Amino acid sequence: MRTQELENNLVDAVRDVLGTMFFTDVVDDQKLPVILGDQPLTVRVGFAGETAGVLHLRVPAETAGALASNFLGAQPGEPLSEEQIDEVVRELSNMLCGAFLSRHEAEQVFELTSPEHVEQPGPEPGEIRRGMELENGCLELTLNWRRV
């Protein structure tokens, strides 16, 4: 599979999920590296089928809070708990992985792992790494993909 096709499908999946469920858009999808701050939230979702891999989502705390507010329909200035933000970021990673797989390998059936927090992912061979500037922050995705 061509790297450019994987990247295009990943960016399109991000645009669809963020626009539909989080009411925000990608402003710049060519930006790498993005400034993620001291302690970004990093979530991992694994998938397996005829192809297998893992998607890592890294997002700064400020961006995570803004996305969670949008997703939950919070009133402006309404504080959210760390647990609410954490749940939304894990759900976002799950949605992004599912949207990517549905777009890129529509005919395949996949099993996804539950989203889990991890330390910053290390580089792996063949990975795609993409930073994106959003209307209300930034995020970074890392995709490792292989045929089984």
C-alpha atoms as a PDB file:
ATOM      1  CA  MET A   1       0.000   0.000   0.000  1.00  0.00           C
ATOM      2  CA  ARG A   2       1.360   3.398  -0.900  1.00  0.00           C
ATOM      3  CA  THR A   3       2.314   5.659   1.994  1.00  0.00           C
ATOM      4  CA  GLN A   4       0.623   8.666   0.405  1.00  0.00           C
ATOM      5  CA  GLU A   5      -2.679   6.791   0.125  1.00  0.00           C
ATOM      6  CA  LEU A   6      -2.457   5.770   3.800  1.00  0.00           C
ATOM      7  CA  GLU A   7      -1.717   9.359   4.807  1.00  0.00           C
ATOM      8  CA  ASN A   8      -4.557  10.773   2.710  1.00  0.00           C
ATOM      9  CA  ASN A   9      -7.037   8.313   4.198  1.00  0.00           C
ATOM     10  CA  LEU A  10      -5.801   9.106   7.705  1.00  0.00           C
ATOM     11  CA  VAL A  11      -6.168  12.877   7.197  1.00  0.00           C
ATOM     12  CA  ASP A  12      -9.621  12.434   5.636  1.00  0.00           C
ATOM     13  CA  ALA A  13     -10.706  10.284   8.598  1.00  0.00           C
ATOM     14  CA  VAL A  14      -9.508  12.966  11.035  1.00  0.00           C
ATOM     15  CA  ARG A  15     -11.348  15.694   9.147  1.00  0.00           C
ATOM     16  CA  ASP A  16     -14.572  13.660   9.084  1.00  0.00           C
ATOM     17  CA  VAL A  17     -14.510  12.697  12.773  1.00  0.00           C
ATOM     18  CA  LEU A  18     -13.513  16.134  14.050  1.00  0.00           C
ATOM     19  CA  GLY A  19     -16.021  17.936  11.855  1.00  0.00           C
ATOM     20  CA  THR A  20     -18.923  15.614  12.593  1.00  0.00           C
ATOM     21  CA  MET A  21     -18.438  14.763  16.264  1.00  0.00           C
ATOM     22  CA  PHE A  22     -16.197  17.524  17.673  1.00  0.00           C
ATOM     23  CA  PHE A  23     -17.382  20.550  15.675  1.00  0.00           C
ATOM     24  CA  THR A  24     -13.890  21.645  14.711  1.00  0.00           C
ATOM     25  CA  ASP A  25     -11.725  21.378  11.626  1.00  0.00           C
ATOM     26  CA  VAL A  26      -8.145  20.724  10.606  1.00  0.00           C
ATOM     27  CA  VAL A  27      -6.490  24.018   9.660  1.00  0.00           C
ATOM     28  CA  ASP A  28      -3.143  22.555   8.533  1.00  0.00           C
ATOM     29  CA  ASP A  29      -2.571  18.841   7.975  1.00  0.00           C
ATOM     30  CA  GLN A  30       1.040  19.189   6.814  1.00  0.00           C
ATOM     31  CA  LYS A  31       2.388  20.479  10.118  1.00  0.00           C
ATOM     32  CA  LEU A  32       5.028  18.308  11.792  1.00  0.00           C
ATOM     33  CA  PRO A  33       6.196  18.441  14.424  1.00  0.00           C
ATOM     34  CA  VAL A  34       3.425  20.049  16.395  1.00  0.00           C
ATOM     35  CA  ILE A  35       4.065  21.640  19.767  1.00  0.00           C
ATOM     36  CA  LEU A  36       2.391  19.274  22.200  1.00  0.00           C
ATOM     37  CA  GLY A  37       3.535  20.818  25.492  1.00  0.00           C
ATOM     38  CA  ASP A  38       5.080  19.124  28.497  1.00  0.00           C
ATOM     39  CA  GLN A  39       2.683  16.246  29.056  1.00  0.00           C
ATOM     40  CA  PRO A  40       0.442  15.451  26.100  1.00  0.00           C
ATOM     41  CA  LEU A  41      -2.162  12.746  26.482  1.00  0.00           C
ATOM     42  CA  THR A  42      -1.114   9.731  24.417  1.00  0.00           C
ATOM     43  CA  VAL A  43      -3.614   6.998  23.604  1.00  0.00           C
ATOM     44  CA  ARG A  44      -3.057   3.794  21.661  1.00  0.00           C
ATOM     45  CA  VAL A  45      -5.588   1.688  19.746  1.00  0.00           C
ATOM     46  CA  GLY A  46      -4.485  -1.580  18.200  1.00  0.00           C
ATOM     47  CA  PHE A  47      -6.241  -3.332  15.329  1.00  0.00           C
ATOM     48  CA  ALA A  48      -5.980  -6.762  13.760  1.00  0.00           C
ATOM     49  CA  GLY A  49      -7.426  -8.418  10.692  1.00  0.00           C
ATOM     50  CA  GLU A  50      -5.816  -9.185   7.321  1.00  0.00           C
ATOM     51  CA  THR A  51      -3.737  -6.144   8.178  1.00  0.00           C
ATOM     52  CA  ALA A  52      -2.708  -5.196  11.678  1.00  0.00           C
ATOM     53  CA  GLY A  53      -1.191  -2.264  13.430  1.00  0.00           C
ATOM     54  CA  VAL A  54      -1.587   0.448  15.980  1.00  0.00           C
ATOM     55  CA  LEU A  55      -2.727   4.054  15.990  1.00  0.00           C
ATOM     56  CA  HIS A  56      -1.312   6.490  18.557  1.00  0.00           C
ATOM     57  CA  LEU A  57      -3.019   9.814  19.226  1.00  0.00           C
ATOM     58  CA  ARG A  58      -1.086  12.531  21.068  1.00  0.00           C
ATOM     59  CA  VAL A  59      -2.901  15.679  22.094  1.00  0.00           C
ATOM     60  CA  PRO A  60      -1.971  18.536  24.458  1.00  0.00           C
ATOM     61  CA  ALA A  61      -4.094  18.904  27.589  1.00  0.00           C
ATOM     62  CA  GLU A  62      -5.509  22.246  26.384  1.00  0.00           C
ATOM     63  CA  THR A  63      -6.614  20.780  23.069  1.00  0.00           C
ATOM     64  CA  ALA A  64      -8.028  17.714  24.809  1.00  0.00           C
ATOM     65  CA  GLY A  65     -10.120  19.971  27.042  1.00  0.00           C
ATOM     66  CA  ALA A  66     -11.426  22.005  24.102  1.00  0.00           C
ATOM     67  CA  LEU A  67     -12.310  18.875  22.113  1.00  0.00           C
ATOM     68  CA  ALA A  68     -14.023  17.312  25.131  1.00  0.00           C
ATOM     69  CA  SER A  69     -16.080  20.475  25.686  1.00  0.00           C
ATOM     70  CA  ASN A  70     -17.223  20.430  22.065  1.00  0.00           C
ATOM     71  CA  PHE A  71     -18.001  16.707  22.093  1.00  0.00           C
ATOM     72  CA  LEU A  72     -19.953  16.859  25.362  1.00  0.00           C
ATOM     73  CA  GLY A  73     -21.765  20.081  24.479  1.00  0.00           C
ATOM     74  CA  ALA A  74     -20.440  21.852  27.566  1.00  0.00           C
ATOM     75  CA  GLN A  75     -21.405  25.467  28.148  1.00  0.00           C
ATOM     76  CA  PRO A  76     -18.593  28.023  27.638  1.00  0.00           C
ATOM     77  CA  GLY A  77     -16.474  28.156  30.781  1.00  0.00           C
ATOM     78  CA  GLU A  78     -18.028  24.968  32.199  1.00  0.00           C
ATOM     79  CA  PRO A  79     -15.213  22.962  33.804  1.00  0.00           C
ATOM     80  CA  LEU A  80     -14.790  19.321  32.857  1.00  0.00           C
ATOM     81  CA  SER A  81     -13.215  16.686  35.066  1.00  0.00           C
ATOM     82  CA  GLU A  82      -9.967  14.965  34.100  1.00  0.00           C
ATOM     83  CA  GLU A  83     -11.980  11.756  33.843  1.00  0.00           C
ATOM     84  CA  GLN A  84     -14.394  13.292  31.316  1.00  0.00           C
ATOM     85  CA  ILE A  85     -11.501  14.621  29.217  1.00  0.00           C
ATOM     86  CA  ASP A  86      -9.714  11.268  29.409  1.00  0.00           C
ATOM     87  CA  GLU A  87     -12.817   9.367  28.288  1.00  0.00           C
ATOM     88  CA  VAL A  88     -13.354  11.712  25.344  1.00  0.00           C
ATOM     89  CA  VAL A  89      -9.720  11.427  24.184  1.00  0.00           C
ATOM     90  CA  ARG A  90      -9.921   7.632  24.334  1.00  0.00           C
ATOM     91  CA  GLU A  91     -13.206   7.720  22.395  1.00  0.00           C
ATOM     92  CA  LEU A  92     -11.656  10.100  19.837  1.00  0.00           C
ATOM     93  CA  SER A  93      -8.773   7.676  19.244  1.00  0.00           C
ATOM     94  CA  ASN A  94     -11.258   4.838  18.798  1.00  0.00           C
ATOM     95  CA  MET A  95     -13.341   6.875  16.316  1.00  0.00           C
ATOM     96  CA  LEU A  96     -10.245   7.930  14.365  1.00  0.00           C
ATOM     97  CA  CYS A  97      -8.970   4.370  14.087  1.00  0.00           C
ATOM     98  CA  GLY A  98     -12.386   3.062  13.010  1.00  0.00           C
ATOM     99  CA  ALA A  99     -12.895   5.867  10.497  1.00  0.00           C
ATOM    100  CA  PHE A 100      -9.454   5.282   8.994  1.00  0.00           C
ATOM    101  CA  LEU A 101      -9.958   1.520   8.704  1.00  0.00           C
ATOM    102  CA  SER A 102     -13.446   1.946   7.236  1.00  0.00           C
ATOM    103  CA  ARG A 103     -12.074   4.307   4.645  1.00  0.00           C
ATOM    104  CA  HIS A 104      -8.855   2.474   3.818  1.00  0.00           C
ATOM    105  CA  GLU A 105      -9.885  -1.201   4.103  1.00  0.00           C
ATOM    106  CA  ALA A 106     -13.665  -1.046   3.803  1.00  0.00           C
ATOM    107  CA  GLU A 107     -14.082  -4.726   2.917  1.00  0.00           C
ATOM    108  CA  GLN A 108     -12.074  -6.099   5.831  1.00  0.00           C
ATOM    109  CA  VAL A 109     -13.217  -6.978   9.334  1.00  0.00           C
ATOM    110  CA  PHE A 110     -11.033  -5.746  12.194  1.00  0.00           C
ATOM    111  CA  GLU A 111     -10.818  -6.269  15.904  1.00  0.00           C
ATOM    112  CA  LEU A 112      -9.859  -3.115  17.777  1.00  0.00           C
ATOM    113  CA  THR A 113      -8.320  -3.082  21.223  1.00  0.00           C
ATOM    114  CA  SER A 114      -9.692  -0.800  23.895  1.00  0.00           C
ATOM    115  CA  PRO A 115      -8.003   2.592  23.791  1.00  0.00           C
ATOM    116  CA  GLU A 116      -5.313   2.842  26.479  1.00  0.00           C
ATOM    117  CA  HIS A 117      -2.961   5.535  27.715  1.00  0.00           C
ATOM    118  CA  VAL A 118       0.716   4.971  26.992  1.00  0.00           C
ATOM    119  CA  GLU A 119       3.966   6.862  27.179  1.00  0.00           C
ATOM    120  CA  GLN A 120       5.025   8.682  24.011  1.00  0.00           C
ATOM    121  CA  PRO A 121       5.285   6.106  21.207  1.00  0.00           C
ATOM    122  CA  GLY A 122       8.755   5.355  19.932  1.00  0.00           C
ATOM    123  CA  PRO A 123       9.504   5.293  16.216  1.00  0.00           C
ATOM    124  CA  GLU A 124       8.873   1.996  14.479  1.00  0.00           C
ATOM    125  CA  PRO A 125       9.767   0.943  10.936  1.00  0.00           C
ATOM    126  CA  GLY A 126       7.249   1.902   8.310  1.00  0.00           C
ATOM    127  CA  GLU A 127       5.294   4.293  10.474  1.00  0.00           C
ATOM    128  CA  ILE A 128       3.319   7.274   9.317  1.00  0.00           C
ATOM    129  CA  ARG A 129       3.530  10.284  11.608  1.00  0.00           C
ATOM    130  CA  ARG A 130       1.312  13.289  11.010  1.00  0.00           C
ATOM    131  CA  GLY A 131       0.881  16.474  13.012  1.00  0.00           C
ATOM    132  CA  MET A 132      -2.218  18.578  12.478  1.00  0.00           C
ATOM    133  CA  GLU A 133      -3.137  22.072  13.540  1.00  0.00           C
ATOM    134  CA  LEU A 134      -6.799  22.390  14.502  1.00  0.00           C
ATOM    135  CA  GLU A 135      -9.072  25.384  14.955  1.00  0.00           C
ATOM    136  CA  ASN A 136      -8.668  24.929  18.694  1.00  0.00           C
ATOM    137  CA  GLY A 137      -5.236  23.347  19.147  1.00  0.00           C
ATOM    138  CA  CYS A 138      -3.210  20.554  17.593  1.00  0.00           C
ATOM    139  CA  LEU A 139      -2.748  16.797  17.607  1.00  0.00           C
ATOM    140  CA  GLU A 140      -0.342  14.192  16.331  1.00  0.00           C
ATOM    141  CA  LEU A 141      -1.115  10.743  14.940  1.00  0.00           C
ATOM    142  CA  THR A 142       1.259   7.845  14.461  1.00  0.00           C
ATOM    143  CA  LEU A 143       0.140   4.850  12.423  1.00  0.00           C
ATOM    144  CA  ASN A 144       2.012   1.558  12.199  1.00  0.00           C
ATOM    145  CA  TRP A 145       0.572  -0.685   9.503  1.00  0.00           C
ATOM    146  CA  ARG A 146       1.504  -4.127   8.231  1.00  0.00           C
ATOM    147  CA  ARG A 147      -0.033  -6.982   6.250  1.00  0.00           C
ATOM    148  CA  VAL A 148      -0.421 -10.157   8.311  1.00  0.00           C
END
